[in-house]
N, C-alpha and C. Protein backbone atom coordinates (compact mmCIF):
# COMPACT_ATOMS: atom_id res chain seq x y z
N MET A 1 24.84 -38.35 -124.61
CA MET A 1 26.03 -37.65 -123.22
C MET A 1 27.35 -37.37 -123.79
N ARG A 2 27.95 -38.26 -124.51
CA ARG A 2 28.98 -37.83 -125.15
C ARG A 2 29.25 -37.25 -126.22
N GLU A 3 28.95 -36.46 -126.67
CA GLU A 3 28.84 -35.99 -128.21
C GLU A 3 30.04 -34.87 -128.27
N HIS A 4 30.63 -34.62 -127.36
CA HIS A 4 31.79 -33.08 -127.18
C HIS A 4 32.72 -33.72 -126.98
N THR A 5 33.17 -35.20 -126.88
CA THR A 5 34.59 -35.86 -126.26
C THR A 5 35.28 -35.60 -127.14
N GLY A 6 35.47 -35.65 -128.98
CA GLY A 6 36.75 -35.94 -129.20
C GLY A 6 36.38 -34.27 -129.47
N VAL A 7 35.82 -33.25 -129.29
CA VAL A 7 36.27 -31.90 -129.51
C VAL A 7 36.57 -31.71 -127.81
N ALA A 8 36.55 -32.15 -127.06
CA ALA A 8 37.24 -31.91 -125.67
C ALA A 8 38.87 -32.22 -125.20
N ILE A 9 39.01 -33.74 -126.43
CA ILE A 9 40.08 -33.68 -126.23
C ILE A 9 40.96 -33.24 -127.24
N ALA A 10 40.39 -32.71 -128.13
CA ALA A 10 41.02 -31.78 -129.57
C ALA A 10 41.72 -30.90 -128.61
N VAL A 11 40.73 -29.95 -127.84
CA VAL A 11 41.00 -29.04 -127.35
C VAL A 11 42.37 -28.84 -125.84
N ALA A 12 42.31 -29.78 -125.20
CA ALA A 12 42.94 -30.31 -124.18
C ALA A 12 44.16 -30.45 -125.00
N VAL A 13 44.41 -30.86 -126.10
CA VAL A 13 45.51 -31.02 -126.92
C VAL A 13 46.41 -30.06 -127.54
N GLY A 14 45.39 -29.70 -127.92
CA GLY A 14 45.92 -27.74 -128.47
C GLY A 14 46.25 -27.14 -127.36
N VAL A 15 45.25 -27.08 -126.34
CA VAL A 15 46.11 -26.35 -125.32
C VAL A 15 48.30 -26.80 -124.38
N ILE A 16 47.55 -28.27 -124.21
CA ILE A 16 49.36 -28.62 -124.09
C ILE A 16 50.45 -28.46 -125.24
N PHE A 17 49.70 -28.68 -126.36
CA PHE A 17 51.23 -28.15 -127.72
C PHE A 17 51.36 -26.53 -127.34
N PHE A 18 50.00 -25.24 -127.04
CA PHE A 18 50.27 -24.45 -127.27
C PHE A 18 51.23 -24.25 -126.29
N PHE A 19 51.11 -24.29 -124.74
CA PHE A 19 51.99 -24.15 -123.81
C PHE A 19 53.40 -25.05 -123.58
N VAL A 20 53.53 -25.63 -125.08
CA VAL A 20 54.65 -26.60 -124.76
C VAL A 20 55.35 -25.88 -125.84
N ALA A 21 54.71 -25.17 -127.05
CA ALA A 21 55.58 -23.95 -127.70
C ALA A 21 56.05 -22.95 -127.44
N LEU A 22 55.04 -22.20 -126.10
CA LEU A 22 55.12 -20.57 -126.20
C LEU A 22 56.16 -20.45 -125.17
N PRO A 23 57.49 -21.14 -124.73
CA PRO A 23 58.65 -20.37 -124.62
C PRO A 23 59.25 -20.27 -126.04
N ALA A 24 58.87 -21.11 -126.89
CA ALA A 24 59.80 -20.93 -128.08
C ALA A 24 59.50 -20.10 -128.32
N VAL A 25 58.22 -19.68 -128.87
CA VAL A 25 57.45 -18.50 -129.37
C VAL A 25 57.97 -17.44 -128.67
N ILE A 26 57.98 -17.20 -127.46
CA ILE A 26 58.22 -16.25 -126.98
C ILE A 26 59.85 -15.56 -126.96
N VAL A 27 60.74 -16.34 -126.69
CA VAL A 27 62.03 -15.60 -127.06
C VAL A 27 62.18 -15.35 -128.46
N THR A 28 61.86 -16.40 -129.50
CA THR A 28 61.83 -16.19 -131.05
C THR A 28 61.06 -14.25 -131.19
N LEU A 29 59.81 -13.69 -130.47
CA LEU A 29 59.21 -12.42 -130.95
C LEU A 29 60.41 -11.58 -129.95
N VAL A 30 60.64 -12.35 -128.85
CA VAL A 30 61.30 -10.43 -128.34
C VAL A 30 62.30 -10.79 -128.49
N TYR A 31 63.17 -12.26 -129.55
CA TYR A 31 64.64 -11.52 -130.05
C TYR A 31 64.09 -10.68 -131.58
N LEU A 32 63.25 -11.06 -132.34
CA LEU A 32 62.32 -10.09 -133.54
C LEU A 32 62.35 -8.80 -133.08
N PHE A 33 61.76 -8.65 -131.90
CA PHE A 33 61.71 -7.42 -131.17
C PHE A 33 62.94 -6.31 -131.00
N GLY A 34 63.81 -7.17 -130.47
CA GLY A 34 65.16 -6.39 -130.00
C GLY A 34 65.68 -6.34 -131.11
N SER A 35 65.97 -6.97 -132.08
CA SER A 35 66.79 -6.46 -133.14
C SER A 35 66.10 -5.44 -133.87
N VAL A 36 64.56 -5.40 -134.24
CA VAL A 36 64.23 -3.90 -134.67
C VAL A 36 64.23 -2.74 -134.05
N TYR A 37 64.12 -3.28 -132.60
CA TYR A 37 64.06 -2.00 -131.70
C TYR A 37 66.10 -1.37 -132.11
N ALA A 38 66.48 -2.48 -131.89
CA ALA A 38 68.31 -1.78 -132.36
C ALA A 38 69.02 -1.24 -133.17
N ILE A 39 67.79 -2.21 -134.23
CA ILE A 39 68.26 -0.97 -136.00
C ILE A 39 67.80 0.51 -135.33
N VAL A 40 66.38 0.50 -135.18
CA VAL A 40 65.31 1.68 -134.87
C VAL A 40 66.43 2.82 -134.31
N LYS A 41 66.96 1.93 -133.03
CA LYS A 41 67.72 3.03 -132.07
C LYS A 41 69.22 3.66 -132.86
N ALA A 42 69.57 2.74 -133.52
CA ALA A 42 70.83 3.08 -133.86
C ALA A 42 70.69 4.12 -135.19
N ALA A 43 69.55 3.97 -136.66
CA ALA A 43 69.39 4.99 -136.90
C ALA A 43 69.08 5.69 -136.78
N GLY A 44 67.98 6.20 -135.02
CA GLY A 44 67.49 7.38 -134.86
C GLY A 44 68.46 8.38 -134.21
N VAL A 45 68.06 9.61 -133.89
CA VAL A 45 69.21 10.28 -133.10
C VAL A 45 69.37 10.30 -131.87
N GLY A 46 68.46 9.79 -131.59
CA GLY A 46 68.27 9.87 -130.25
C GLY A 46 69.20 8.88 -129.15
N GLY A 47 69.32 8.88 -127.81
CA GLY A 47 70.39 8.17 -127.08
C GLY A 47 70.48 6.52 -127.73
N ARG A 48 71.59 5.79 -127.66
CA ARG A 48 72.44 5.05 -127.52
C ARG A 48 72.20 3.74 -127.04
N SER A 49 71.71 3.83 -125.15
CA SER A 49 70.98 2.72 -125.01
C SER A 49 69.40 2.48 -125.02
N PRO A 50 69.51 1.37 -124.80
CA PRO A 50 67.85 0.91 -124.68
C PRO A 50 66.93 1.36 -123.51
N ASN A 51 65.93 1.62 -123.61
CA ASN A 51 65.11 2.12 -122.50
C ASN A 51 64.68 0.80 -122.49
N PRO A 52 65.27 0.51 -120.83
CA PRO A 52 64.30 -0.72 -120.22
C PRO A 52 62.99 -0.42 -120.28
N ALA A 53 62.34 0.35 -120.05
CA ALA A 53 60.61 0.26 -119.73
C ALA A 53 60.26 0.11 -121.25
N THR A 54 60.64 0.38 -122.49
CA THR A 54 60.21 0.01 -123.55
C THR A 54 60.39 -1.36 -123.61
N VAL A 55 61.28 -2.23 -123.42
CA VAL A 55 61.67 -3.56 -123.38
C VAL A 55 60.54 -4.59 -122.41
N LEU A 56 60.40 -3.67 -121.18
CA LEU A 56 59.79 -4.65 -120.94
C LEU A 56 58.51 -4.63 -121.07
N ILE A 57 57.69 -3.32 -121.77
CA ILE A 57 56.50 -3.38 -121.83
C ILE A 57 55.95 -4.44 -123.13
N ALA A 58 57.65 -4.15 -123.74
CA ALA A 58 56.84 -4.99 -125.35
C ALA A 58 57.08 -6.77 -124.74
N VAL A 59 57.43 -7.34 -124.04
CA VAL A 59 57.58 -8.69 -123.39
C VAL A 59 56.32 -8.65 -123.09
N VAL A 60 55.68 -7.43 -122.32
CA VAL A 60 54.47 -8.31 -121.59
C VAL A 60 53.48 -8.09 -122.50
N LEU A 61 53.77 -7.18 -123.77
CA LEU A 61 52.31 -6.88 -124.67
C LEU A 61 52.38 -8.37 -125.55
N ILE A 62 53.61 -8.84 -125.58
CA ILE A 62 53.72 -10.27 -126.38
C ILE A 62 53.15 -11.54 -125.76
N VAL A 63 53.48 -11.68 -124.63
CA VAL A 63 52.71 -12.33 -123.66
C VAL A 63 51.15 -12.29 -123.64
N SER A 64 50.90 -11.35 -123.19
CA SER A 64 49.39 -10.83 -123.08
C SER A 64 48.68 -11.75 -124.71
N THR A 65 49.45 -10.93 -125.94
CA THR A 65 48.98 -11.23 -126.54
C THR A 65 48.65 -12.52 -127.18
N LEU A 66 50.09 -13.34 -126.74
CA LEU A 66 49.33 -14.67 -127.08
C LEU A 66 48.52 -15.50 -126.18
N VAL A 67 48.58 -15.26 -125.36
CA VAL A 67 47.34 -15.53 -123.97
C VAL A 67 46.19 -15.54 -124.22
N THR A 68 45.82 -14.16 -124.91
CA THR A 68 44.27 -13.12 -125.56
C THR A 68 44.55 -14.57 -126.76
N LEU A 69 45.41 -14.84 -127.71
CA LEU A 69 44.57 -15.89 -128.65
C LEU A 69 44.38 -17.27 -128.35
N LEU A 70 45.01 -17.29 -127.70
CA LEU A 70 44.62 -18.96 -127.00
C LEU A 70 43.69 -18.57 -126.65
N TYR A 71 42.89 -18.15 -125.57
CA TYR A 71 41.88 -17.63 -124.90
C TYR A 71 40.41 -17.50 -126.04
N CYS A 72 40.41 -16.82 -127.30
CA CYS A 72 39.79 -16.61 -127.97
C CYS A 72 39.49 -17.69 -128.84
N GLY A 73 40.81 -18.54 -129.13
CA GLY A 73 40.44 -20.07 -129.60
C GLY A 73 39.76 -20.48 -128.88
N ILE A 74 39.65 -21.06 -127.85
CA ILE A 74 38.82 -22.00 -126.79
C ILE A 74 37.87 -21.25 -126.90
N GLY A 75 37.56 -20.25 -126.53
CA GLY A 75 35.91 -19.67 -126.56
C GLY A 75 35.42 -19.88 -127.49
N ALA A 76 36.07 -19.84 -129.14
CA ALA A 76 35.50 -19.85 -130.30
C ALA A 76 35.07 -21.55 -130.38
N ILE A 77 36.09 -22.53 -129.97
CA ILE A 77 35.92 -23.90 -130.17
C ILE A 77 34.92 -24.47 -129.30
N GLY A 78 34.84 -23.65 -127.60
CA GLY A 78 33.61 -23.91 -126.38
C GLY A 78 32.13 -23.39 -127.22
N ARG A 79 32.27 -22.11 -127.50
CA ARG A 79 31.03 -21.93 -128.23
C ARG A 79 30.25 -22.63 -129.02
N SER A 80 30.39 -23.58 -129.62
CA SER A 80 30.50 -24.84 -130.62
C SER A 80 29.84 -25.81 -129.87
N MET A 81 30.46 -25.84 -128.81
CA MET A 81 29.95 -27.24 -128.01
C MET A 81 28.96 -26.39 -127.02
N ASP A 82 28.38 -25.33 -126.48
CA ASP A 82 27.22 -24.85 -125.67
C ASP A 82 25.90 -24.93 -126.59
N PRO A 83 24.92 -25.68 -126.31
CA PRO A 83 23.66 -25.69 -127.09
C PRO A 83 23.10 -24.30 -127.11
N LYS A 84 22.24 -23.76 -127.89
CA LYS A 84 21.66 -22.40 -127.61
C LYS A 84 20.56 -22.44 -127.25
N ARG A 85 20.30 -21.61 -126.27
CA ARG A 85 18.77 -21.51 -125.26
C ARG A 85 17.88 -21.28 -126.49
N ARG A 86 16.76 -22.12 -125.84
CA ARG A 86 15.69 -21.97 -127.17
C ARG A 86 14.35 -20.97 -126.25
N ALA A 87 13.51 -20.26 -126.95
CA ALA A 87 12.84 -19.39 -126.02
C ALA A 87 11.81 -20.02 -125.86
N GLU A 88 11.06 -20.24 -124.47
CA GLU A 88 10.12 -21.10 -124.03
C GLU A 88 8.57 -20.05 -124.67
N ARG A 89 8.00 -20.79 -125.35
CA ARG A 89 6.54 -20.61 -126.05
C ARG A 89 5.30 -21.19 -125.22
């Protein structure tokens, strides 16, 4: 009955590590986006002030992408723990 205990512990440790590292990853990706966005705004002919809606949407997309990656990883591992249903004959 305890055949997937190791996998469950590994998933729990992975999730904890992910949530511990998540703030640093978010800050790094937002900084990277801000740098690229500033270079593009400086090179463009448009206005010089940043658009707050663009920055907000970028932050939302970064966070939602990271959480979706976590969900897909857990789903892929969890699928291996769920036995296939056999057709009754």
